[in-house]
């Protein structure tokens, strides 16, 4: 298994607009976490202009599929997103790889 980071660039009105989509977004995230795909995720603070989600999977589709189905993306709260493979080498979650 590999790790992939999904980077979100948030819109200026993200904090004001996310409420109406938050439950659906968090439901999608919890489902991915329960399947073992989403390891960790959240928005950066001060300023809240980006978010980072770490996925584990065979290829980057685990992260890109999440983004393509995320209500934040579908409803224009994300300016841009990208996925990059992460070569994690240290930490308890990574020692078996």
N, C-alpha and C. Protein backbone atom coordinates (compact mmCIF):
# COMPACT_ATOMS: atom_id res chain seq x y z
N UNK A 1 0.84 -1.19 0.00
CA UNK A 1 0.00 0.00 0.00
C UNK A 1 0.88 1.24 0.00
N UNK A 2 0.37 2.27 -0.64
CA UNK A 2 1.06 3.55 -0.72
C UNK A 2 0.24 4.63 -0.03
N UNK A 3 0.88 5.75 0.24
CA UNK A 3 0.21 6.90 0.81
C UNK A 3 0.13 8.01 -0.23
N UNK A 4 -1.00 8.71 -0.22
CA UNK A 4 -1.24 9.81 -1.15
C UNK A 4 -1.82 10.98 -0.37
N UNK A 5 -1.35 12.17 -0.69
CA UNK A 5 -1.88 13.37 -0.05
C UNK A 5 -2.75 14.11 -1.06
N UNK A 6 -3.96 14.41 -0.62
CA UNK A 6 -4.90 15.21 -1.40
C UNK A 6 -4.80 16.63 -0.86
N UNK A 7 -4.38 17.56 -1.70
CA UNK A 7 -4.26 18.96 -1.34
C UNK A 7 -5.45 19.73 -1.90
N UNK A 8 -6.11 20.49 -1.06
CA UNK A 8 -7.20 21.36 -1.48
C UNK A 8 -6.78 22.81 -1.31
N UNK A 9 -7.04 23.61 -2.33
CA UNK A 9 -6.92 25.06 -2.21
C UNK A 9 -8.34 25.60 -2.02
N UNK A 10 -8.60 26.20 -0.88
CA UNK A 10 -9.95 26.62 -0.51
C UNK A 10 -10.29 28.00 -1.05
N UNK A 11 -11.57 28.21 -1.32
CA UNK A 11 -12.03 29.53 -1.76
C UNK A 11 -12.03 30.50 -0.58
N UNK A 12 -12.10 31.78 -0.88
CA UNK A 12 -12.10 32.81 0.16
C UNK A 12 -13.33 32.69 1.07
N UNK A 13 -14.44 32.21 0.54
CA UNK A 13 -15.67 32.10 1.31
C UNK A 13 -15.90 30.69 1.87
N UNK A 14 -14.89 29.87 1.89
CA UNK A 14 -15.00 28.49 2.35
C UNK A 14 -15.62 28.37 3.74
N UNK A 15 -15.11 29.12 4.71
CA UNK A 15 -15.61 29.02 6.08
C UNK A 15 -17.08 29.41 6.19
N UNK A 16 -17.49 30.40 5.41
CA UNK A 16 -18.88 30.87 5.46
C UNK A 16 -19.83 29.92 4.75
N UNK A 17 -19.36 29.23 3.72
CA UNK A 17 -20.23 28.41 2.86
C UNK A 17 -20.22 26.92 3.18
N UNK A 18 -19.24 26.43 3.90
CA UNK A 18 -19.09 24.98 4.08
C UNK A 18 -20.22 24.34 4.88
N UNK A 19 -20.87 25.11 5.74
CA UNK A 19 -21.88 24.56 6.63
C UNK A 19 -22.95 23.74 5.94
N UNK A 20 -23.42 24.22 4.81
CA UNK A 20 -24.51 23.53 4.10
C UNK A 20 -24.08 22.20 3.49
N UNK A 21 -22.77 21.98 3.36
CA UNK A 21 -22.25 20.74 2.76
C UNK A 21 -21.45 19.91 3.76
N UNK A 22 -21.27 20.42 4.95
CA UNK A 22 -20.37 19.80 5.93
C UNK A 22 -20.78 18.38 6.32
N UNK A 23 -22.05 18.14 6.61
CA UNK A 23 -22.48 16.81 7.03
C UNK A 23 -22.21 15.77 5.94
N UNK A 24 -22.50 16.13 4.70
CA UNK A 24 -22.24 15.21 3.58
C UNK A 24 -20.74 14.98 3.39
N UNK A 25 -19.95 16.05 3.51
CA UNK A 25 -18.49 15.94 3.39
C UNK A 25 -17.94 15.03 4.48
N UNK A 26 -18.36 15.27 5.73
CA UNK A 26 -17.86 14.46 6.84
C UNK A 26 -18.33 13.01 6.74
N UNK A 27 -19.53 12.80 6.20
CA UNK A 27 -20.01 11.44 5.99
C UNK A 27 -19.13 10.69 4.99
N UNK A 28 -18.77 11.38 3.92
CA UNK A 28 -17.88 10.80 2.91
C UNK A 28 -16.52 10.49 3.53
N UNK A 29 -16.01 11.41 4.35
CA UNK A 29 -14.72 11.22 5.00
C UNK A 29 -14.77 10.05 5.99
N UNK A 30 -15.82 9.96 6.78
CA UNK A 30 -15.94 8.86 7.75
C UNK A 30 -16.04 7.52 7.04
N UNK A 31 -16.76 7.48 5.94
CA UNK A 31 -16.87 6.25 5.16
C UNK A 31 -15.49 5.82 4.64
N UNK A 32 -14.71 6.77 4.12
CA UNK A 32 -13.37 6.46 3.63
C UNK A 32 -12.46 6.02 4.76
N UNK A 33 -12.61 6.62 5.93
CA UNK A 33 -11.80 6.24 7.09
C UNK A 33 -12.16 4.83 7.56
N UNK A 34 -13.44 4.50 7.58
CA UNK A 34 -13.88 3.17 8.00
C UNK A 34 -13.37 2.08 7.05
N UNK A 35 -13.21 2.43 5.78
CA UNK A 35 -12.68 1.47 4.80
C UNK A 35 -11.15 1.39 4.87
N UNK A 36 -10.53 2.23 5.69
CA UNK A 36 -9.08 2.23 5.81
C UNK A 36 -8.37 3.04 4.75
N UNK A 37 -9.13 3.82 3.99
CA UNK A 37 -8.53 4.63 2.92
C UNK A 37 -8.06 5.99 3.41
N UNK A 38 -8.87 6.68 4.18
CA UNK A 38 -8.52 8.00 4.70
C UNK A 38 -7.86 7.83 6.06
N UNK A 39 -6.62 8.28 6.16
CA UNK A 39 -5.84 8.14 7.38
C UNK A 39 -6.02 9.34 8.29
N UNK A 40 -6.02 10.53 7.69
CA UNK A 40 -6.04 11.77 8.45
C UNK A 40 -6.42 12.89 7.51
N UNK A 41 -7.16 13.86 7.99
CA UNK A 41 -7.51 14.98 7.12
C UNK A 41 -8.01 16.17 7.91
N UNK A 42 -7.87 17.36 7.31
CA UNK A 42 -8.38 18.57 7.92
C UNK A 42 -7.86 19.81 7.22
N UNK A 43 -8.48 20.93 7.58
CA UNK A 43 -8.10 22.22 7.00
C UNK A 43 -6.95 22.83 7.80
N UNK A 44 -6.10 23.57 7.12
CA UNK A 44 -5.04 24.32 7.78
C UNK A 44 -5.64 25.59 8.38
N UNK A 45 -4.97 26.15 9.35
CA UNK A 45 -5.52 27.29 10.08
C UNK A 45 -4.58 28.49 9.99
N UNK A 46 -5.20 29.67 10.08
CA UNK A 46 -4.48 30.95 10.12
C UNK A 46 -3.47 31.13 8.99
N UNK A 47 -3.91 31.26 7.79
CA UNK A 47 -5.29 31.37 7.33
C UNK A 47 -5.86 30.01 6.93
N UNK A 48 -7.17 29.91 6.90
CA UNK A 48 -7.86 28.69 6.46
C UNK A 48 -7.98 28.74 4.94
N UNK A 49 -6.87 28.50 4.28
CA UNK A 49 -6.84 28.61 2.81
C UNK A 49 -6.51 27.29 2.11
N UNK A 50 -6.15 26.27 2.89
CA UNK A 50 -5.83 24.97 2.31
C UNK A 50 -6.30 23.86 3.24
N UNK A 51 -6.47 22.68 2.69
CA UNK A 51 -6.77 21.49 3.47
C UNK A 51 -5.90 20.35 2.95
N UNK A 52 -5.62 19.39 3.82
CA UNK A 52 -4.77 18.26 3.49
C UNK A 52 -5.45 16.98 3.98
N UNK A 53 -5.52 15.99 3.11
CA UNK A 53 -6.09 14.70 3.48
C UNK A 53 -5.11 13.62 3.06
N UNK A 54 -4.79 12.72 3.96
CA UNK A 54 -3.83 11.65 3.69
C UNK A 54 -4.60 10.34 3.49
N UNK A 55 -4.34 9.71 2.36
CA UNK A 55 -5.01 8.46 2.00
C UNK A 55 -3.99 7.34 1.89
N UNK A 56 -4.49 6.10 2.05
CA UNK A 56 -3.67 4.91 1.85
C UNK A 56 -4.38 4.05 0.82
N UNK A 57 -3.64 3.60 -0.20
CA UNK A 57 -4.26 2.78 -1.24
C UNK A 57 -3.24 2.25 -2.22
N UNK A 58 -3.73 1.50 -3.18
CA UNK A 58 -2.87 0.90 -4.20
C UNK A 58 -2.34 1.96 -5.16
N UNK A 59 -3.20 2.94 -5.48
CA UNK A 59 -2.78 4.02 -6.38
C UNK A 59 -3.52 5.30 -6.00
N UNK A 60 -3.24 6.36 -6.73
CA UNK A 60 -3.78 7.68 -6.37
C UNK A 60 -5.29 7.80 -6.56
N UNK A 61 -5.90 6.82 -7.19
CA UNK A 61 -7.35 6.90 -7.42
C UNK A 61 -8.13 6.93 -6.10
N UNK A 62 -7.58 6.37 -5.05
CA UNK A 62 -8.26 6.41 -3.76
C UNK A 62 -8.49 7.85 -3.31
N UNK A 63 -7.53 8.73 -3.57
CA UNK A 63 -7.66 10.14 -3.20
C UNK A 63 -8.43 10.93 -4.26
N UNK A 64 -8.15 10.68 -5.52
CA UNK A 64 -8.84 11.45 -6.57
C UNK A 64 -10.32 11.11 -6.63
N UNK A 65 -10.70 9.86 -6.36
CA UNK A 65 -12.12 9.51 -6.32
C UNK A 65 -12.83 10.23 -5.19
N UNK A 66 -12.15 10.37 -4.06
CA UNK A 66 -12.73 11.10 -2.94
C UNK A 66 -13.01 12.55 -3.38
N UNK A 67 -12.01 13.20 -3.96
CA UNK A 67 -12.16 14.60 -4.37
C UNK A 67 -13.28 14.76 -5.39
N UNK A 68 -13.36 13.87 -6.35
CA UNK A 68 -14.37 13.97 -7.39
C UNK A 68 -15.79 13.82 -6.85
N UNK A 69 -15.93 13.17 -5.70
CA UNK A 69 -17.25 12.96 -5.10
C UNK A 69 -17.51 13.86 -3.90
N UNK A 70 -16.55 14.67 -3.53
CA UNK A 70 -16.67 15.53 -2.35
C UNK A 70 -17.62 16.70 -2.65
N UNK A 71 -18.63 16.91 -1.82
CA UNK A 71 -19.55 18.03 -2.04
C UNK A 71 -18.86 19.39 -1.98
N UNK A 72 -17.76 19.50 -1.27
CA UNK A 72 -17.00 20.76 -1.27
C UNK A 72 -16.46 21.06 -2.67
N UNK A 73 -15.97 20.04 -3.34
CA UNK A 73 -15.46 20.20 -4.71
C UNK A 73 -16.62 20.45 -5.67
N UNK A 74 -17.64 19.62 -5.58
CA UNK A 74 -18.79 19.71 -6.48
C UNK A 74 -19.51 21.06 -6.40
N UNK A 75 -19.46 21.70 -5.24
CA UNK A 75 -20.18 22.96 -5.04
C UNK A 75 -19.28 24.19 -5.02
N UNK A 76 -18.06 24.05 -5.54
CA UNK A 76 -17.20 25.19 -5.78
C UNK A 76 -16.49 25.78 -4.58
N UNK A 77 -16.36 25.04 -3.48
CA UNK A 77 -15.63 25.55 -2.32
C UNK A 77 -14.13 25.29 -2.40
N UNK A 78 -13.76 24.47 -3.38
CA UNK A 78 -12.36 24.14 -3.61
C UNK A 78 -11.94 24.76 -4.94
N UNK A 79 -10.96 25.68 -4.88
CA UNK A 79 -10.48 26.32 -6.11
C UNK A 79 -9.76 25.32 -6.99
N UNK A 80 -8.93 24.51 -6.34
CA UNK A 80 -8.09 23.57 -7.08
C UNK A 80 -7.72 22.44 -6.13
N UNK A 81 -7.55 21.24 -6.69
CA UNK A 81 -7.07 20.13 -5.88
C UNK A 81 -6.05 19.32 -6.68
N UNK A 82 -5.17 18.65 -5.94
CA UNK A 82 -4.18 17.79 -6.58
C UNK A 82 -3.83 16.67 -5.63
N UNK A 83 -3.35 15.57 -6.19
CA UNK A 83 -2.93 14.41 -5.42
C UNK A 83 -1.46 14.17 -5.70
N UNK A 84 -0.71 13.90 -4.62
CA UNK A 84 0.70 13.54 -4.77
C UNK A 84 1.01 12.32 -3.92
N UNK A 85 1.82 11.44 -4.47
CA UNK A 85 2.26 10.27 -3.71
C UNK A 85 3.20 10.75 -2.60
N UNK A 86 3.04 10.15 -1.43
CA UNK A 86 3.87 10.50 -0.28
C UNK A 86 4.68 9.29 0.12
N UNK A 87 5.99 9.42 0.11
CA UNK A 87 6.89 8.34 0.50
C UNK A 87 7.17 8.45 1.99
N UNK A 88 6.20 8.04 2.81
CA UNK A 88 6.34 8.11 4.26
C UNK A 88 7.35 7.07 4.73
N UNK A 89 8.26 7.47 5.64
CA UNK A 89 9.31 6.57 6.09
C UNK A 89 9.41 6.45 7.62
N UNK A 90 8.78 7.32 8.37
CA UNK A 90 8.91 7.28 9.82
C UNK A 90 7.53 7.42 10.47
N UNK A 91 7.32 6.68 11.54
CA UNK A 91 6.06 6.75 12.29
C UNK A 91 5.44 5.38 12.44
N UNK A 92 4.66 5.21 13.47
CA UNK A 92 4.12 3.89 13.79
C UNK A 92 3.24 3.34 12.68
N UNK A 93 2.54 4.18 11.97
CA UNK A 93 1.67 3.70 10.89
C UNK A 93 2.47 3.21 9.68
N UNK A 94 3.73 3.60 9.59
CA UNK A 94 4.52 3.33 8.40
C UNK A 94 5.53 2.23 8.57
N UNK A 95 5.73 1.73 9.76
CA UNK A 95 6.82 0.80 10.00
C UNK A 95 6.68 -0.53 9.28
N UNK A 96 5.48 -0.91 8.90
CA UNK A 96 5.28 -2.18 8.20
C UNK A 96 5.46 -2.07 6.69
N UNK A 97 5.80 -0.91 6.19
CA UNK A 97 5.89 -0.72 4.75
C UNK A 97 7.30 -0.61 4.28
